[in-house]
Amino acid sequence: RAWSMGKRSAPGDPGAPLPSPQSADALILPHAHAFSLETASQASGIAADPPDGVIGCCAVSPGLVLLTLRAGSPSGYGLRDWPLLVGGAGVGDEPAFVLVYGGVVRSPLAVRFAAAAAAYMHGVDDAYFCGGSFWDGLGDRPTLRQIAERAVETLRGPLPLDEADRERWLAAEAQAAGKLRVVDEYRRMARCPDLVAPAPVLRAEWLVPA
């Protein structure tokens, strides 16, 4: 049974406490996350010698790295630059919880595309975080270079893929590219281009009329 004496128990062992889906370090921010700080220390090396597809790299705050990617088909993900934030405790559940109930083990770091169109990417969740498949083969302590190269693969299409996965990846790319084209079309139509720029600066007079 799932409940005993007011305490949750693991299936098959009524006396054992139910594993928690997350531990206290689940909410650790980049500046307080040891592995994030270690990873961010590699940013200058990436900036000096970037992997193919990485056009920018900098540590924006302690433990948090901003990678700028430009990769993929010119008619697909290659339509725009993609900002990628690396740092903070990863997403997922604790291994003991996954062992009992299934799910995805917590990733070593949080890796998140800082662009709304990333929600349509294959393997990226609706909060733009890279999912469990992103970390396949990278181990528990990947370098920043390995993370950057894997992110570029996400834009180019990771290989090898079986036919079904390839079709899903291509469908996701086509949907994201369609969204990007619509956004660009409306930006060209805007009477005030500054207001709909990718990183708009809102002027005081726009918010509080004189």
N, C-alpha and C. Protein backbone atom coordinates (compact mmCIF):
# COMPACT_ATOMS: atom_id res chain seq x y z
N ARG A 1 0.83 -1.19 0.00
CA ARG A 1 0.00 0.00 0.00
C ARG A 1 0.87 1.24 0.00
N ALA A 2 0.31 2.35 -0.43
CA ALA A 2 1.12 3.56 -0.59
C ALA A 2 1.22 4.37 0.69
N TRP A 3 0.30 4.14 1.66
CA TRP A 3 0.31 4.94 2.88
C TRP A 3 0.31 4.02 4.09
N SER A 4 1.10 4.37 5.10
CA SER A 4 1.15 3.56 6.32
C SER A 4 1.46 4.46 7.50
N MET A 5 0.57 4.48 8.50
CA MET A 5 0.78 5.27 9.71
C MET A 5 1.03 6.74 9.38
N GLY A 6 0.34 7.23 8.34
CA GLY A 6 0.48 8.64 8.00
C GLY A 6 1.73 8.97 7.23
N LYS A 7 2.55 7.96 6.91
CA LYS A 7 3.79 8.21 6.16
C LYS A 7 3.69 7.53 4.80
N ARG A 8 4.25 8.15 3.78
CA ARG A 8 4.27 7.52 2.47
C ARG A 8 5.32 6.43 2.45
N SER A 9 5.03 5.34 1.75
CA SER A 9 5.95 4.22 1.66
C SER A 9 6.16 3.83 0.21
N ALA A 10 7.32 3.26 -0.07
CA ALA A 10 7.62 2.80 -1.41
C ALA A 10 6.82 1.54 -1.71
N PRO A 11 6.38 1.33 -2.96
CA PRO A 11 5.63 0.14 -3.31
C PRO A 11 6.42 -1.12 -2.98
N GLY A 12 5.74 -2.12 -2.39
CA GLY A 12 6.38 -3.39 -2.08
C GLY A 12 7.13 -3.39 -0.77
N ASP A 13 7.27 -2.26 -0.14
CA ASP A 13 8.00 -2.18 1.14
C ASP A 13 7.31 -1.15 2.01
N PRO A 14 6.25 -1.56 2.73
CA PRO A 14 5.45 -0.60 3.50
C PRO A 14 6.26 0.16 4.54
N GLY A 15 7.37 -0.41 5.00
CA GLY A 15 8.14 0.27 6.04
C GLY A 15 9.15 1.26 5.51
N ALA A 16 9.39 1.26 4.21
CA ALA A 16 10.42 2.15 3.65
C ALA A 16 9.81 3.48 3.25
N PRO A 17 10.48 4.58 3.57
CA PRO A 17 9.95 5.89 3.18
C PRO A 17 9.99 6.06 1.67
N LEU A 18 9.04 6.79 1.15
CA LEU A 18 8.98 7.06 -0.28
C LEU A 18 10.12 7.99 -0.67
N PRO A 19 10.89 7.66 -1.71
CA PRO A 19 11.96 8.57 -2.14
C PRO A 19 11.38 9.91 -2.55
N SER A 20 12.10 10.96 -2.21
CA SER A 20 11.65 12.30 -2.59
C SER A 20 12.02 12.57 -4.04
N PRO A 21 11.13 13.21 -4.81
CA PRO A 21 11.46 13.51 -6.20
C PRO A 21 12.56 14.55 -6.34
N GLN A 22 12.80 15.32 -5.30
CA GLN A 22 13.88 16.29 -5.38
C GLN A 22 14.47 16.51 -4.00
N SER A 23 15.77 16.78 -3.98
CA SER A 23 16.46 17.02 -2.73
C SER A 23 16.61 18.51 -2.51
N ALA A 24 17.25 18.87 -1.40
CA ALA A 24 17.35 20.28 -1.05
C ALA A 24 18.15 21.08 -2.07
N ASP A 25 19.06 20.41 -2.80
CA ASP A 25 19.87 21.16 -3.75
C ASP A 25 19.16 21.39 -5.08
N ALA A 26 17.90 20.94 -5.18
CA ALA A 26 17.19 21.06 -6.44
C ALA A 26 17.00 22.51 -6.87
N LEU A 27 16.95 23.42 -5.91
CA LEU A 27 16.68 24.82 -6.23
C LEU A 27 17.93 25.69 -6.13
N ILE A 28 19.10 25.08 -6.11
CA ILE A 28 20.33 25.85 -5.99
C ILE A 28 20.55 26.69 -7.25
N LEU A 29 20.80 27.97 -7.06
CA LEU A 29 21.03 28.88 -8.17
C LEU A 29 22.49 28.79 -8.62
N PRO A 30 22.78 29.29 -9.83
CA PRO A 30 24.14 29.12 -10.38
C PRO A 30 25.26 29.58 -9.46
N HIS A 31 25.08 30.73 -8.79
CA HIS A 31 26.18 31.28 -7.99
C HIS A 31 26.50 30.43 -6.76
N ALA A 32 25.57 29.54 -6.37
CA ALA A 32 25.77 28.69 -5.20
C ALA A 32 25.93 27.22 -5.57
N HIS A 33 26.04 26.93 -6.86
CA HIS A 33 26.11 25.56 -7.36
C HIS A 33 27.55 25.28 -7.78
N ALA A 34 28.23 24.39 -7.06
CA ALA A 34 29.67 24.19 -7.25
C ALA A 34 30.02 23.80 -8.69
N PHE A 35 29.27 22.88 -9.28
CA PHE A 35 29.61 22.45 -10.62
C PHE A 35 29.34 23.55 -11.65
N SER A 36 28.35 24.39 -11.39
CA SER A 36 28.10 25.53 -12.29
C SER A 36 29.27 26.50 -12.25
N LEU A 37 29.80 26.75 -11.07
CA LEU A 37 30.95 27.65 -10.95
C LEU A 37 32.17 27.07 -11.67
N GLU A 38 32.37 25.76 -11.52
CA GLU A 38 33.48 25.11 -12.22
C GLU A 38 33.31 25.20 -13.73
N THR A 39 32.08 24.98 -14.20
CA THR A 39 31.82 25.04 -15.63
C THR A 39 31.98 26.45 -16.18
N ALA A 40 31.50 27.43 -15.43
CA ALA A 40 31.60 28.82 -15.88
C ALA A 40 33.05 29.29 -15.99
N SER A 41 33.94 28.68 -15.23
CA SER A 41 35.36 29.06 -15.29
C SER A 41 35.98 28.70 -16.63
N GLN A 42 35.29 27.87 -17.43
CA GLN A 42 35.80 27.45 -18.74
C GLN A 42 35.34 28.38 -19.86
N ALA A 43 34.55 29.39 -19.53
CA ALA A 43 33.95 30.24 -20.56
C ALA A 43 35.00 30.99 -21.38
N SER A 44 36.05 31.48 -20.73
CA SER A 44 37.06 32.25 -21.46
C SER A 44 37.76 31.38 -22.50
N GLY A 45 37.96 30.10 -22.18
CA GLY A 45 38.58 29.19 -23.14
C GLY A 45 37.70 28.96 -24.35
N ILE A 46 36.38 28.86 -24.13
CA ILE A 46 35.45 28.69 -25.25
C ILE A 46 35.41 29.96 -26.10
N ALA A 47 35.43 31.11 -25.45
CA ALA A 47 35.40 32.38 -26.18
C ALA A 47 36.64 32.53 -27.06
N ALA A 48 37.79 32.06 -26.56
CA ALA A 48 39.03 32.19 -27.31
C ALA A 48 39.12 31.17 -28.45
N ASP A 49 38.52 30.01 -28.26
CA ASP A 49 38.59 28.95 -29.27
C ASP A 49 37.23 28.25 -29.34
N PRO A 50 36.23 28.91 -29.94
CA PRO A 50 34.87 28.36 -29.92
C PRO A 50 34.71 27.17 -30.85
N PRO A 51 33.89 26.20 -30.45
CA PRO A 51 33.56 25.10 -31.36
C PRO A 51 32.77 25.63 -32.56
N ASP A 52 32.76 24.89 -33.64
CA ASP A 52 31.98 25.26 -34.81
C ASP A 52 30.51 25.40 -34.42
N GLY A 53 29.90 26.50 -34.83
CA GLY A 53 28.50 26.75 -34.50
C GLY A 53 28.30 27.62 -33.28
N VAL A 54 29.36 27.89 -32.53
CA VAL A 54 29.29 28.78 -31.36
C VAL A 54 29.89 30.12 -31.76
N ILE A 55 29.10 31.19 -31.70
CA ILE A 55 29.59 32.50 -32.14
C ILE A 55 29.80 33.46 -30.98
N GLY A 56 29.51 33.01 -29.76
CA GLY A 56 29.74 33.86 -28.60
C GLY A 56 29.68 33.05 -27.33
N CYS A 57 30.47 33.47 -26.34
CA CYS A 57 30.47 32.79 -25.05
C CYS A 57 30.97 33.76 -23.99
N CYS A 58 30.20 33.91 -22.92
CA CYS A 58 30.65 34.75 -21.82
C CYS A 58 29.95 34.31 -20.53
N ALA A 59 30.62 34.56 -19.41
CA ALA A 59 30.01 34.33 -18.10
C ALA A 59 29.25 35.60 -17.73
N VAL A 60 27.93 35.51 -17.67
CA VAL A 60 27.12 36.70 -17.42
C VAL A 60 26.97 36.99 -15.93
N SER A 61 27.21 35.98 -15.10
CA SER A 61 27.20 36.13 -13.65
C SER A 61 27.87 34.90 -13.07
N PRO A 62 28.23 34.90 -11.79
CA PRO A 62 28.90 33.73 -11.23
C PRO A 62 28.09 32.44 -11.45
N GLY A 63 28.71 31.48 -12.12
CA GLY A 63 28.07 30.19 -12.34
C GLY A 63 27.12 30.13 -13.51
N LEU A 64 26.94 31.22 -14.24
CA LEU A 64 25.99 31.24 -15.36
C LEU A 64 26.69 31.70 -16.63
N VAL A 65 26.62 30.86 -17.66
CA VAL A 65 27.28 31.13 -18.94
C VAL A 65 26.22 31.34 -20.02
N LEU A 66 26.47 32.33 -20.87
CA LEU A 66 25.63 32.56 -22.03
C LEU A 66 26.41 32.16 -23.28
N LEU A 67 25.91 31.13 -23.96
CA LEU A 67 26.46 30.73 -25.26
C LEU A 67 25.54 31.27 -26.34
N THR A 68 26.11 31.76 -27.42
CA THR A 68 25.31 32.18 -28.57
C THR A 68 25.65 31.24 -29.73
N LEU A 69 24.61 30.61 -30.27
CA LEU A 69 24.79 29.58 -31.29
C LEU A 69 24.22 30.05 -32.62
N ARG A 70 24.88 29.66 -33.69
CA ARG A 70 24.34 29.88 -35.04
C ARG A 70 24.68 28.63 -35.84
N ALA A 71 23.70 27.77 -36.01
CA ALA A 71 23.94 26.49 -36.66
C ALA A 71 22.63 25.96 -37.22
N GLY A 72 22.75 25.01 -38.11
CA GLY A 72 21.56 24.40 -38.69
C GLY A 72 21.26 24.92 -40.08
N SER A 73 20.22 24.39 -40.66
CA SER A 73 19.83 24.75 -42.01
C SER A 73 19.42 26.22 -42.09
N PRO A 74 19.82 26.93 -43.16
CA PRO A 74 19.41 28.33 -43.32
C PRO A 74 17.90 28.50 -43.41
N SER A 75 17.19 27.43 -43.75
CA SER A 75 15.73 27.50 -43.81
C SER A 75 15.08 26.93 -42.56
N GLY A 76 15.91 26.54 -41.58
CA GLY A 76 15.40 25.97 -40.34
C GLY A 76 15.94 26.72 -39.14
N TYR A 77 16.60 26.00 -38.24
CA TYR A 77 17.13 26.64 -37.04
C TYR A 77 18.20 27.67 -37.35
N GLY A 78 18.83 27.56 -38.51
CA GLY A 78 19.85 28.53 -38.89
C GLY A 78 19.32 29.90 -39.26
N LEU A 79 18.01 30.10 -39.16
CA LEU A 79 17.41 31.40 -39.46
C LEU A 79 17.82 32.48 -38.47
N ARG A 80 18.24 32.09 -37.26
CA ARG A 80 18.52 33.08 -36.23
C ARG A 80 19.64 32.61 -35.32
N ASP A 81 20.12 33.52 -34.48
CA ASP A 81 21.05 33.16 -33.41
C ASP A 81 20.23 32.61 -32.25
N TRP A 82 20.82 31.67 -31.53
CA TRP A 82 20.13 31.05 -30.39
C TRP A 82 20.94 31.25 -29.11
N PRO A 83 20.42 32.03 -28.16
CA PRO A 83 21.09 32.16 -26.87
C PRO A 83 20.81 30.94 -26.00
N LEU A 84 21.84 30.45 -25.34
CA LEU A 84 21.72 29.26 -24.50
C LEU A 84 22.35 29.56 -23.15
N LEU A 85 21.59 29.40 -22.08
CA LEU A 85 22.09 29.64 -20.73
C LEU A 85 22.48 28.32 -20.08
N VAL A 86 23.68 28.29 -19.49
CA VAL A 86 24.20 27.08 -18.85
C VAL A 86 24.54 27.43 -17.40
N GLY A 87 23.89 26.77 -16.45
CA GLY A 87 24.20 27.01 -15.05
C GLY A 87 23.02 26.79 -14.13
N GLY A 88 23.31 26.43 -12.91
CA GLY A 88 22.28 26.11 -11.93
C GLY A 88 22.06 24.62 -11.85
N ALA A 89 21.41 24.17 -10.78
CA ALA A 89 21.13 22.74 -10.61
C ALA A 89 20.27 22.25 -11.75
N GLY A 90 20.55 21.05 -12.23
CA GLY A 90 19.83 20.50 -13.37
C GLY A 90 18.39 20.14 -13.06
N VAL A 91 17.64 19.86 -14.11
CA VAL A 91 16.24 19.48 -13.96
C VAL A 91 16.12 17.96 -13.99
N GLY A 92 15.06 17.45 -13.38
CA GLY A 92 14.85 16.01 -13.30
C GLY A 92 14.64 15.58 -11.86
N ASP A 93 14.61 14.28 -11.63
CA ASP A 93 14.34 13.72 -10.30
C ASP A 93 15.57 13.02 -9.75
N GLU A 94 15.54 12.78 -8.45
CA GLU A 94 16.64 12.08 -7.80
C GLU A 94 16.67 10.62 -8.25
N PRO A 95 17.88 10.02 -8.34
CA PRO A 95 17.99 8.63 -8.83
C PRO A 95 17.12 7.63 -8.09
N ALA A 96 17.01 7.76 -6.75
CA ALA A 96 16.21 6.81 -5.98
C ALA A 96 14.74 6.89 -6.37
N PHE A 97 14.26 8.09 -6.64
CA PHE A 97 12.87 8.28 -7.04
C PHE A 97 12.63 7.68 -8.42
N VAL A 98 13.57 7.91 -9.34
CA VAL A 98 13.43 7.39 -10.70
C VAL A 98 13.47 5.87 -10.70
N LEU A 99 14.30 5.29 -9.82
CA LEU A 99 14.40 3.83 -9.74
C LEU A 99 13.06 3.20 -9.37
N VAL A 100 12.31 3.86 -8.50
CA VAL A 100 11.03 3.31 -8.04
C VAL A 100 9.89 3.66 -8.99
N TYR A 101 9.85 4.90 -9.44
CA TYR A 101 8.67 5.38 -10.16
C TYR A 101 8.92 5.71 -11.63
N GLY A 102 10.17 5.66 -12.06
CA GLY A 102 10.47 6.04 -13.43
C GLY A 102 10.64 7.54 -13.57
N GLY A 103 10.98 7.96 -14.75
CA GLY A 103 11.20 9.38 -15.00
C GLY A 103 12.60 9.61 -15.52
N VAL A 104 13.09 10.82 -15.37
CA VAL A 104 14.40 11.21 -15.87
C VAL A 104 15.27 11.65 -14.71
N VAL A 105 16.47 11.09 -14.62
CA VAL A 105 17.41 11.45 -13.56
C VAL A 105 17.86 12.90 -13.76
N ARG A 106 18.05 13.59 -12.64
CA ARG A 106 18.45 15.00 -12.69
C ARG A 106 19.72 15.18 -13.52
N SER A 107 19.71 16.16 -14.40
CA SER A 107 20.87 16.45 -15.25
C SER A 107 21.94 17.16 -14.43
N PRO A 108 23.20 17.10 -14.89
CA PRO A 108 24.29 17.73 -14.12
C PRO A 108 24.13 19.23 -13.95
N LEU A 109 23.55 19.88 -14.95
CA LEU A 109 23.38 21.33 -14.94
C LEU A 109 22.05 21.67 -15.61
N ALA A 110 21.59 22.88 -15.37
CA ALA A 110 20.45 23.39 -16.13
C ALA A 110 20.98 24.00 -17.43
N VAL A 111 20.42 23.56 -18.55
CA VAL A 111 20.77 24.12 -19.86
C VAL A 111 19.47 24.53 -20.52
N ARG A 112 19.36 25.82 -20.84
CA ARG A 112 18.07 26.37 -21.27
C ARG A 112 18.25 27.34 -22.42
N PHE A 113 17.50 27.13 -23.48
CA PHE A 113 17.47 28.10 -24.58
C PHE A 113 16.70 29.33 -24.12
N ALA A 114 17.28 30.50 -24.31
CA ALA A 114 16.64 31.74 -23.89
C ALA A 114 15.90 32.37 -25.07
N ALA A 115 15.01 31.58 -25.67
CA ALA A 115 14.23 32.05 -26.82
C ALA A 115 12.94 31.25 -26.86
N ALA A 116 11.82 31.96 -27.00
CA ALA A 116 10.52 31.30 -26.93
C ALA A 116 10.33 30.25 -28.02
N ALA A 117 10.91 30.46 -29.20
CA ALA A 117 10.73 29.51 -30.29
C ALA A 117 11.36 28.15 -29.98
N ALA A 118 12.23 28.10 -28.97
CA ALA A 118 12.85 26.82 -28.60
C ALA A 118 11.84 25.83 -28.06
N ALA A 119 10.67 26.31 -27.64
CA ALA A 119 9.64 25.41 -27.12
C ALA A 119 9.19 24.40 -28.17
N TYR A 120 9.47 24.68 -29.45
CA TYR A 120 9.07 23.77 -30.52
C TYR A 120 10.19 22.82 -30.93
N MET A 121 11.33 22.91 -30.26
CA MET A 121 12.45 22.02 -30.58
C MET A 121 12.20 20.61 -30.06
N HIS A 122 12.67 19.64 -30.80
CA HIS A 122 12.61 18.25 -30.36
C HIS A 122 13.58 18.07 -29.19
N GLY A 123 13.10 17.52 -28.07
CA GLY A 123 13.96 17.29 -26.92
C GLY A 123 14.08 18.47 -25.97
N VAL A 124 13.29 19.52 -26.19
CA VAL A 124 13.29 20.70 -25.32
C VAL A 124 11.90 20.84 -24.73
N ASP A 125 11.81 21.11 -23.41
CA ASP A 125 10.49 21.17 -22.79
C ASP A 125 9.85 22.55 -22.96
N ASP A 126 8.64 22.72 -22.39
CA ASP A 126 7.91 23.96 -22.63
C ASP A 126 8.46 25.14 -21.83
N ALA A 127 9.46 24.90 -20.99
CA ALA A 127 10.17 25.99 -20.32
C ALA A 127 11.54 26.22 -20.96
N TYR A 128 11.76 25.59 -22.12
CA TYR A 128 12.96 25.74 -22.95
C TYR A 128 14.20 25.04 -22.39
N PHE A 129 14.01 24.15 -21.39
CA PHE A 129 15.14 23.38 -20.86
C PHE A 129 15.40 22.16 -21.73
N CYS A 130 16.67 21.84 -21.93
CA CYS A 130 17.04 20.64 -22.68
C CYS A 130 16.73 19.41 -21.83
N GLY A 131 16.09 18.42 -22.44
CA GLY A 131 15.64 17.24 -21.72
C GLY A 131 16.72 16.19 -21.53
N GLY A 132 16.29 15.03 -21.05
CA GLY A 132 17.23 13.97 -20.70
C GLY A 132 18.09 13.50 -21.85
N SER A 133 17.55 13.45 -23.07
CA SER A 133 18.32 12.94 -24.21
C SER A 133 19.51 13.84 -24.54
N PHE A 134 19.45 15.10 -24.14
CA PHE A 134 20.56 16.02 -24.39
C PHE A 134 21.85 15.52 -23.75
N TRP A 135 21.71 14.82 -22.60
CA TRP A 135 22.87 14.43 -21.81
C TRP A 135 23.39 13.04 -22.13
N ASP A 136 22.75 12.34 -23.05
CA ASP A 136 23.17 10.98 -23.37
C ASP A 136 24.64 10.94 -23.77
N GLY A 137 25.41 10.13 -23.06
CA GLY A 137 26.81 9.94 -23.40
C GLY A 137 27.76 11.00 -22.88
N LEU A 138 27.24 12.02 -22.19
CA LEU A 138 28.11 13.10 -21.70
C LEU A 138 28.65 12.85 -20.30
N GLY A 139 28.10 11.88 -19.59
CA GLY A 139 28.58 11.58 -18.24
C GLY A 139 28.04 12.55 -17.20
N ASP A 140 28.57 12.43 -15.98
CA ASP A 140 28.07 13.23 -14.86
C ASP A 140 28.69 14.61 -14.77
N ARG A 141 29.85 14.80 -15.39
CA ARG A 141 30.54 16.09 -15.28
C ARG A 141 31.06 16.53 -16.65
N PRO A 142 30.17 16.83 -17.58
CA PRO A 142 30.61 17.26 -18.91
C PRO A 142 31.29 18.62 -18.85
N THR A 143 32.19 18.85 -19.78
CA THR A 143 32.83 20.15 -19.88
C THR A 143 31.90 21.12 -20.60
N LEU A 144 32.21 22.40 -20.48
CA LEU A 144 31.42 23.41 -21.19
C LEU A 144 31.53 23.21 -22.70
N ARG A 145 32.68 22.78 -23.18
CA ARG A 145 32.85 22.53 -24.61
C ARG A 145 31.94 21.39 -25.07
N GLN A 146 31.85 20.33 -24.27
CA GLN A 146 30.97 19.22 -24.63
C GLN A 146 29.51 19.67 -24.67
N ILE A 147 29.12 20.51 -23.70
CA ILE A 147 27.75 21.02 -23.67
C ILE A 147 27.48 21.88 -24.89
N ALA A 148 28.44 22.74 -25.24
CA ALA A 148 28.27 23.61 -26.40
C ALA A 148 28.15 22.80 -27.68
N GLU A 149 28.99 21.78 -27.83
CA GLU A 149 28.94 20.94 -29.03
C GLU A 149 27.63 20.17 -29.12
N ARG A 150 27.12 19.71 -27.98
CA ARG A 150 25.84 19.00 -27.99
C ARG A 150 24.70 19.95 -28.34
N ALA A 151 24.78 21.19 -27.88
CA ALA A 151 23.74 22.17 -28.22
C ALA A 151 23.74 22.47 -29.71
N VAL A 152 24.92 22.53 -30.31
CA VAL A 152 25.00 22.74 -31.76
C VAL A 152 24.38 21.55 -32.49
N GLU A 153 24.61 20.34 -31.98
CA GLU A 153 23.98 19.15 -32.56
C GLU A 153 22.46 19.25 -32.51
N THR A 154 21.95 19.84 -31.44
CA THR A 154 20.50 20.00 -31.30
C THR A 154 19.94 20.83 -32.45
N LEU A 155 20.71 21.81 -32.91
CA LEU A 155 20.27 22.68 -34.01
C LEU A 155 20.51 22.05 -35.38
N ARG A 156 21.51 21.21 -35.48
CA ARG A 156 21.85 20.61 -36.77
C ARG A 156 21.16 19.27 -37.00
N GLY A 157 20.71 18.67 -35.91
CA GLY A 157 20.10 17.35 -36.01
C GLY A 157 21.07 16.31 -35.52
N PRO A 158 20.88 15.80 -34.30
CA PRO A 158 21.81 14.81 -33.74
C PRO A 158 21.81 13.54 -34.56
N LEU A 159 22.98 12.98 -34.75
CA LEU A 159 23.13 11.75 -35.52
C LEU A 159 23.85 10.71 -34.67
N PRO A 160 23.58 9.40 -34.84
CA PRO A 160 22.56 8.89 -35.76
C PRO A 160 21.16 8.97 -35.14
N LEU A 161 20.16 9.10 -35.98
CA LEU A 161 18.76 9.04 -35.56
C LEU A 161 18.07 7.96 -36.38
N ASP A 162 17.18 7.21 -35.73
CA ASP A 162 16.39 6.29 -36.53
C ASP A 162 15.35 7.09 -37.31
N GLU A 163 14.68 6.43 -38.23
CA GLU A 163 13.79 7.15 -39.14
C GLU A 163 12.68 7.89 -38.40
N ALA A 164 12.11 7.26 -37.37
CA ALA A 164 11.01 7.89 -36.63
C ALA A 164 11.51 9.13 -35.89
N ASP A 165 12.67 9.03 -35.23
CA ASP A 165 13.22 10.18 -34.52
C ASP A 165 13.58 11.30 -35.48
N ARG A 166 14.11 10.93 -36.63
CA ARG A 166 14.47 11.94 -37.63
C ARG A 166 13.24 12.70 -38.11
N GLU A 167 12.15 11.97 -38.32
CA GLU A 167 10.91 12.62 -38.76
C GLU A 167 10.40 13.58 -37.70
N ARG A 168 10.48 13.17 -36.42
CA ARG A 168 10.04 14.06 -35.34
C ARG A 168 10.92 15.30 -35.26
N TRP A 169 12.24 15.10 -35.43
CA TRP A 169 13.15 16.24 -35.37
C TRP A 169 12.87 17.21 -36.51
N LEU A 170 12.68 16.69 -37.71
CA LEU A 170 12.41 17.55 -38.87
C LEU A 170 11.08 18.29 -38.71
N ALA A 171 10.07 17.61 -38.15
CA ALA A 171 8.78 18.26 -37.94
C ALA A 171 8.91 19.40 -36.92
N ALA A 172 9.69 19.16 -35.86
CA ALA A 172 9.89 20.21 -34.85
C ALA A 172 10.64 21.39 -35.44
N GLU A 173 11.66 21.12 -36.27
CA GLU A 173 12.41 22.21 -36.90
C GLU A 173 11.51 23.02 -37.82
N ALA A 174 10.68 22.34 -38.60
CA ALA A 174 9.79 23.04 -39.53
C ALA A 174 8.80 23.93 -38.77
N GLN A 175 8.29 23.44 -37.64
CA GLN A 175 7.34 24.23 -36.85
C GLN A 175 8.03 25.46 -36.25
N ALA A 176 9.22 25.26 -35.69
CA ALA A 176 9.95 26.39 -35.11
C ALA A 176 10.30 27.42 -36.18
N ALA A 177 10.75 26.94 -37.35
CA ALA A 177 11.11 27.86 -38.43
C ALA A 177 9.89 28.64 -38.89
N GLY A 178 8.73 27.98 -38.95
CA GLY A 178 7.51 28.68 -39.32
C GLY A 178 7.17 29.79 -38.35
N LYS A 179 7.34 29.53 -37.06
CA LYS A 179 7.09 30.56 -36.05
C LYS A 179 8.05 31.74 -36.23
N LEU A 180 9.32 31.43 -36.50
CA LEU A 180 10.30 32.49 -36.67
C LEU A 180 9.97 33.37 -37.87
N ARG A 181 9.52 32.75 -38.96
CA ARG A 181 9.18 33.53 -40.16
C ARG A 181 7.99 34.45 -39.90
N VAL A 182 7.00 33.97 -39.15
CA VAL A 182 5.84 34.81 -38.83
C VAL A 182 6.27 36.00 -37.99
N VAL A 183 7.12 35.76 -36.99
CA VAL A 183 7.60 36.85 -36.13
C VAL A 183 8.36 37.88 -36.97
N ASP A 184 9.24 37.41 -37.85
CA ASP A 184 10.01 38.33 -38.68
C ASP A 184 9.10 39.14 -39.60
N GLU A 185 8.06 38.49 -40.14
CA GLU A 185 7.14 39.18 -41.03
C GLU A 185 6.42 40.32 -40.30
N TYR A 186 5.96 40.05 -39.09
CA TYR A 186 5.26 41.09 -38.33
C TYR A 186 6.22 42.19 -37.87
N ARG A 187 7.46 41.84 -37.60
CA ARG A 187 8.43 42.88 -37.24
C ARG A 187 8.63 43.86 -38.39
N ARG A 188 8.67 43.34 -39.61
CA ARG A 188 8.85 44.22 -40.77
C ARG A 188 7.65 45.14 -40.97
N MET A 189 6.47 44.72 -40.51
CA MET A 189 5.26 45.51 -40.68
C MET A 189 5.07 46.54 -39.57
N ALA A 190 5.82 46.42 -38.49
CA ALA A 190 5.60 47.28 -37.32
C ALA A 190 5.94 48.73 -37.63
N ARG A 191 5.13 49.65 -37.14
CA ARG A 191 5.39 51.08 -37.33
C ARG A 191 6.55 51.56 -36.47
N CYS A 192 6.78 50.85 -35.37
CA CYS A 192 7.88 51.22 -34.47
C CYS A 192 8.80 50.01 -34.31
N PRO A 193 9.78 49.84 -35.20
CA PRO A 193 10.63 48.64 -35.17
C PRO A 193 11.32 48.42 -33.83
N ASP A 194 11.68 49.51 -33.14
CA ASP A 194 12.38 49.35 -31.87
C ASP A 194 11.54 48.57 -30.85
N LEU A 195 10.23 48.73 -30.93
CA LEU A 195 9.35 48.11 -29.94
C LEU A 195 9.25 46.60 -30.12
N VAL A 196 9.47 46.12 -31.34
CA VAL A 196 9.34 44.69 -31.61
C VAL A 196 10.69 44.06 -31.96
N ALA A 197 11.78 44.74 -31.62
CA ALA A 197 13.11 44.19 -31.85
C ALA A 197 13.31 42.95 -30.97
N PRO A 198 14.24 42.06 -31.35
CA PRO A 198 14.47 40.85 -30.54
C PRO A 198 14.78 41.15 -29.08
N ALA A 199 15.50 42.26 -28.82
CA ALA A 199 15.78 42.67 -27.44
C ALA A 199 15.38 44.14 -27.30
N PRO A 200 14.08 44.41 -27.20
CA PRO A 200 13.63 45.81 -27.22
C PRO A 200 14.03 46.58 -25.97
N VAL A 201 14.28 47.85 -26.16
CA VAL A 201 14.51 48.77 -25.05
C VAL A 201 13.27 49.65 -24.95
N LEU A 202 12.54 49.52 -23.86
CA LEU A 202 11.30 50.26 -23.70
C LEU A 202 11.60 51.65 -23.15
N ARG A 203 11.24 52.64 -23.91
CA ARG A 203 11.48 54.02 -23.49
C ARG A 203 10.39 54.48 -22.54
N ALA A 204 10.76 55.39 -21.66
CA ALA A 204 9.81 55.86 -20.65
C ALA A 204 8.57 56.47 -21.28
N GLU A 205 8.74 57.20 -22.40
CA GLU A 205 7.59 57.88 -23.01
C GLU A 205 6.60 56.88 -23.62
N TRP A 206 7.06 55.65 -23.91
CA TRP A 206 6.13 54.64 -24.40
C TRP A 206 5.23 54.13 -23.28
N LEU A 207 5.75 54.13 -22.08
CA LEU A 207 5.02 53.56 -20.95
C LEU A 207 4.20 54.60 -20.20
N VAL A 208 4.73 55.81 -20.08
CA VAL A 208 4.04 56.89 -19.36
C VAL A 208 3.97 58.10 -20.28
N PRO A 209 2.86 58.27 -20.99
CA PRO A 209 2.76 59.41 -21.92
C PRO A 209 2.99 60.74 -21.22
N ALA A 210 3.67 61.64 -21.89
CA ALA A 210 3.95 62.96 -21.31
C ALA A 210 2.66 63.77 -21.21
